């Protein structure tokens, strides 16, 4: 599986680029800031960016999307319940994070169990609300049957996303974590901020992980 991460924006959001060796097509996940380094990498590897995946609609995950629209057109995916956040980025969050972002009107909404086909990969959507109403995780599996979970701000290494911003809901996040608890221990997790991890590690070490009563 080919991917590289780039910390972008004021909050060092993990932006990921995945690509297929055969077709040289690439997709980008959560371009939340200046995409200059991302675009330079894509050019240096002779790749063609054709798709963007968004785990949720917070400004630190979508701020770089307008810069990439000329490359991907409307081939931009976001959870259906965060769609308005992409159309009309929060002015409050822009002020809070010191970021400016124009809205994007042409994109595609995703929902539970939707399969996104991409050369060399299969991508399955998991709706995991809580951090935002439309937060999603993406299960990305390559042609060799290797999988990673793009968890956005639903799950971090030994932490979870905050729920005190508009639309946040701890009880929904807790329910989403219970869904992730059904996944295999060996599954590698690529979060929206901080280091990568695994389901096994979070099951053992994360203080927010659901426990039996």
Protein backbone atom coordinates (compact mmCIF):
# COMPACT_ATOMS: atom_id res chain seq x y z
CA UNK A 1 0.00 0.00 0.00
CA UNK A 2 1.43 3.33 -1.09
CA UNK A 3 0.79 6.36 1.08
CA UNK A 4 2.62 9.33 2.54
CA UNK A 5 1.47 11.81 5.15
CA UNK A 6 2.00 15.56 5.35
CA UNK A 7 1.32 17.64 8.48
CA UNK A 8 -0.56 20.71 7.21
CA UNK A 9 -2.13 23.84 8.65
CA UNK A 10 -2.02 25.52 12.02
CA UNK A 11 -3.08 22.34 13.85
CA UNK A 12 -0.73 20.03 11.94
CA UNK A 13 -3.54 18.00 10.47
CA UNK A 14 -2.45 14.69 8.99
CA UNK A 15 -3.04 14.97 5.26
CA UNK A 16 -2.46 11.68 3.43
CA UNK A 17 -1.72 10.92 -0.22
CA UNK A 18 -2.41 7.40 -1.50
CA UNK A 19 -1.48 6.26 -4.99
CA UNK A 20 -1.62 3.34 -7.38
CA UNK A 21 1.63 2.30 -9.07
CA UNK A 22 -0.01 0.99 -12.22
CA UNK A 23 -2.20 3.96 -13.14
CA UNK A 24 -0.25 6.64 -11.25
CA UNK A 25 -3.56 7.96 -9.95
CA UNK A 26 -3.60 9.41 -6.43
CA UNK A 27 -6.13 10.54 -3.87
CA UNK A 28 -5.70 12.99 -1.01
CA UNK A 29 -7.23 12.77 2.45
CA UNK A 30 -8.05 15.83 4.58
CA UNK A 31 -6.04 18.63 2.91
CA UNK A 32 -6.49 20.96 5.86
CA UNK A 33 -3.98 23.67 5.01
CA UNK A 34 -1.52 24.87 2.40
CA UNK A 35 -1.16 22.05 -0.13
CA UNK A 36 2.11 23.25 -1.69
CA UNK A 37 4.14 20.34 -0.27
CA UNK A 38 1.45 17.86 -1.25
CA UNK A 39 1.33 19.13 -4.82
CA UNK A 40 5.13 19.13 -5.05
CA UNK A 41 5.24 15.49 -3.98
CA UNK A 42 2.56 14.49 -6.47
CA UNK A 43 4.49 16.22 -9.26
CA UNK A 44 7.81 14.69 -8.20
CA UNK A 45 6.34 11.19 -8.37
CA UNK A 46 4.61 11.84 -11.71
CA UNK A 47 1.22 11.15 -10.11
CA UNK A 48 -2.20 12.45 -11.11
CA UNK A 49 -4.45 13.62 -8.29
CA UNK A 50 -8.03 12.59 -9.06
CA UNK A 51 -9.92 12.39 -5.75
CA UNK A 52 -10.21 13.92 -2.27
CA UNK A 53 -11.62 12.16 0.81
CA UNK A 54 -12.72 14.22 3.81
CA UNK A 55 -13.25 12.62 7.20
CA UNK A 56 -15.30 15.59 8.42
CA UNK A 57 -16.02 19.23 7.77
CA UNK A 58 -13.92 21.14 10.30
CA UNK A 59 -11.84 23.93 8.82
CA UNK A 60 -8.52 22.29 9.74
CA UNK A 61 -9.43 19.35 7.48
CA UNK A 62 -10.95 21.19 4.50
CA UNK A 63 -8.99 24.47 4.20
CA UNK A 64 -6.84 23.22 1.32
CA UNK A 65 -9.68 21.75 -0.72
CA UNK A 66 -10.28 24.85 -2.90
CA UNK A 67 -6.62 24.74 -4.01
CA UNK A 68 -7.11 21.18 -5.28
CA UNK A 69 -10.49 21.58 -7.00
CA UNK A 70 -8.81 22.32 -10.37
CA UNK A 71 -7.24 18.85 -10.23
CA UNK A 72 -10.19 16.76 -9.00
CA UNK A 73 -13.31 18.67 -10.05
CA UNK A 74 -16.29 17.43 -8.04
CA UNK A 75 -14.59 14.14 -7.11
CA UNK A 76 -14.58 15.20 -3.45
CA UNK A 77 -16.23 13.00 -0.80
CA UNK A 78 -17.59 14.04 2.60
CA UNK A 79 -20.10 12.58 5.07
CA UNK A 80 -23.64 13.60 4.20
CA UNK A 81 -24.24 15.24 7.58
CA UNK A 82 -21.17 17.47 7.23
CA UNK A 83 -21.95 18.58 3.68
CA UNK A 84 -23.06 22.08 4.72
CA UNK A 85 -19.76 22.56 6.55
CA UNK A 86 -17.97 22.21 3.22
CA UNK A 87 -20.42 24.46 1.40
CA UNK A 88 -20.28 27.13 4.11
CA UNK A 89 -17.14 26.82 6.28
CA UNK A 90 -17.67 28.07 9.82
CA UNK A 91 -16.60 31.69 10.21
CA UNK A 92 -16.23 31.07 13.95
CA UNK A 93 -13.76 28.23 13.41
CA UNK A 94 -11.93 30.23 10.75
CA UNK A 95 -11.43 33.00 13.31
CA UNK A 96 -10.53 30.53 16.08
CA UNK A 97 -7.88 28.76 14.01
CA UNK A 98 -6.73 31.80 12.04
CA UNK A 99 -7.62 30.15 8.72
CA UNK A 100 -9.50 31.41 5.70
CA UNK A 101 -11.41 28.96 3.53
CA UNK A 102 -13.79 29.43 0.63
CA UNK A 103 -16.74 27.06 0.45
CA UNK A 104 -16.97 24.33 -2.16
CA UNK A 105 -20.31 23.64 -3.83
CA UNK A 106 -19.59 20.70 -6.16
CA UNK A 107 -18.80 17.46 -4.32
CA UNK A 108 -20.24 14.05 -3.44
CA UNK A 109 -21.85 12.99 -0.17
CA UNK A 110 -21.12 9.58 1.39
CA UNK A 111 -22.98 7.41 3.86
CA UNK A 112 -22.69 4.17 5.81
CA UNK A 113 -21.28 1.21 3.84
CA UNK A 114 -20.86 3.18 0.61
CA UNK A 115 -18.03 1.73 -1.46
CA UNK A 116 -15.75 4.14 -3.31
CA UNK A 117 -13.83 2.53 -6.14
CA UNK A 118 -10.35 3.76 -6.92
CA UNK A 119 -7.64 2.12 -9.05
CA UNK A 120 -5.84 -0.41 -6.86
CA UNK A 121 -8.04 0.25 -3.82
CA UNK A 122 -11.46 -0.38 -2.34
CA UNK A 123 -12.70 2.23 0.13
CA UNK A 124 -15.63 1.57 2.47
CA UNK A 125 -17.34 4.34 4.44
CA UNK A 126 -18.15 3.99 8.14
CA UNK A 127 -20.35 6.71 9.63
CA UNK A 128 -18.83 7.62 13.02
CA UNK A 129 -20.58 10.75 14.33
CA UNK A 130 -19.65 12.47 17.56
CA UNK A 131 -16.75 14.78 16.82
CA UNK A 132 -19.04 16.26 14.17
CA UNK A 133 -22.48 15.10 13.01
CA UNK A 134 -21.08 13.78 9.73
CA UNK A 135 -17.72 12.37 10.77
CA UNK A 136 -16.77 9.25 8.84
CA UNK A 137 -13.93 6.75 8.84
CA UNK A 138 -12.68 5.15 5.64
CA UNK A 139 -11.55 1.53 5.47
CA UNK A 140 -8.97 1.49 2.69
CA UNK A 141 -7.95 -1.90 1.28
CA UNK A 142 -5.42 -2.42 -1.51
CA UNK A 143 -5.21 -5.16 -4.14
CA UNK A 144 -3.04 -7.27 -1.81
CA UNK A 145 -5.80 -7.18 0.82
CA UNK A 146 -3.85 -4.89 3.16
CA UNK A 147 -6.12 -2.49 5.03
CA UNK A 148 -5.82 0.74 7.00
CA UNK A 149 -8.46 2.79 8.77
CA UNK A 150 -8.53 6.53 8.15
CA UNK A 151 -10.10 7.61 11.43
CA UNK A 152 -10.06 11.40 11.09
CA UNK A 153 -10.75 12.99 14.47
CA UNK A 154 -12.91 10.14 15.71
CA UNK A 155 -9.91 8.25 17.09
CA UNK A 156 -6.36 9.31 17.92
CA UNK A 157 -3.48 7.44 19.49
CA UNK A 158 -4.62 7.20 23.14
CA UNK A 159 -7.24 9.89 22.67
CA UNK A 160 -10.37 10.90 20.75
CA UNK A 161 -11.70 14.00 19.06
CA UNK A 162 -13.19 16.80 21.10
CA UNK A 163 -16.96 17.14 21.36
CA UNK A 164 -17.24 20.67 22.74
CA UNK A 165 -17.46 22.41 19.36
CA UNK A 166 -20.75 23.02 17.55
CA UNK A 167 -22.32 19.72 16.53
CA UNK A 168 -20.17 17.63 18.86
CA UNK A 169 -21.87 14.91 20.87
CA UNK A 170 -20.01 12.72 23.36
CA UNK A 171 -22.71 10.05 23.49
CA UNK A 172 -22.62 9.65 19.71
CA UNK A 173 -18.81 9.53 19.77
CA UNK A 174 -18.94 6.85 22.43
CA UNK A 175 -21.30 4.84 20.23
CA UNK A 176 -18.93 5.28 17.30
CA UNK A 177 -16.04 3.99 19.40
CA UNK A 178 -18.09 0.90 20.17
CA UNK A 179 -18.34 0.34 16.44
CA UNK A 180 -14.57 0.58 16.11
CA UNK A 181 -14.27 -1.90 18.97
CA UNK A 182 -15.64 -4.56 16.59
CA UNK A 183 -12.65 -4.17 14.25
CA UNK A 184 -9.67 -6.53 14.21
CA UNK A 185 -6.76 -5.91 16.60
CA UNK A 186 -4.21 -5.87 13.79
CA UNK A 187 -5.91 -3.06 11.86
CA UNK A 188 -3.58 -0.11 11.34
CA UNK A 189 -5.12 3.30 12.10
CA UNK A 190 -4.17 6.59 10.45
CA UNK A 191 -5.72 9.41 12.52
CA UNK A 192 -6.36 13.05 11.70
CA UNK A 193 -3.70 14.31 14.11
CA UNK A 194 -0.72 12.77 15.85
CA UNK A 195 1.00 9.41 15.37
CA UNK A 196 -0.47 6.35 13.73
CA UNK A 197 -1.68 3.49 15.88
CA UNK A 198 -3.62 0.21 15.80
CA UNK A 199 -6.92 -1.07 17.11
CA UNK A 200 -5.03 -3.38 19.48
CA UNK A 201 -3.04 -0.51 20.94
CA UNK A 202 -6.13 1.64 21.44
CA UNK A 203 -8.07 -1.24 22.94
CA UNK A 204 -5.30 -1.60 25.53
CA UNK A 205 -4.11 1.97 26.09
CA UNK A 206 -6.83 4.47 25.16
CA UNK A 207 -8.61 5.75 28.30
CA UNK A 208 -11.71 6.58 26.22
CA UNK A 209 -12.04 3.11 24.73
CA UNK A 210 -15.36 1.43 25.56
CA UNK A 211 -15.04 -1.04 28.43
CA UNK A 212 -17.31 -3.71 29.70
CA UNK A 213 -19.28 -2.60 32.75
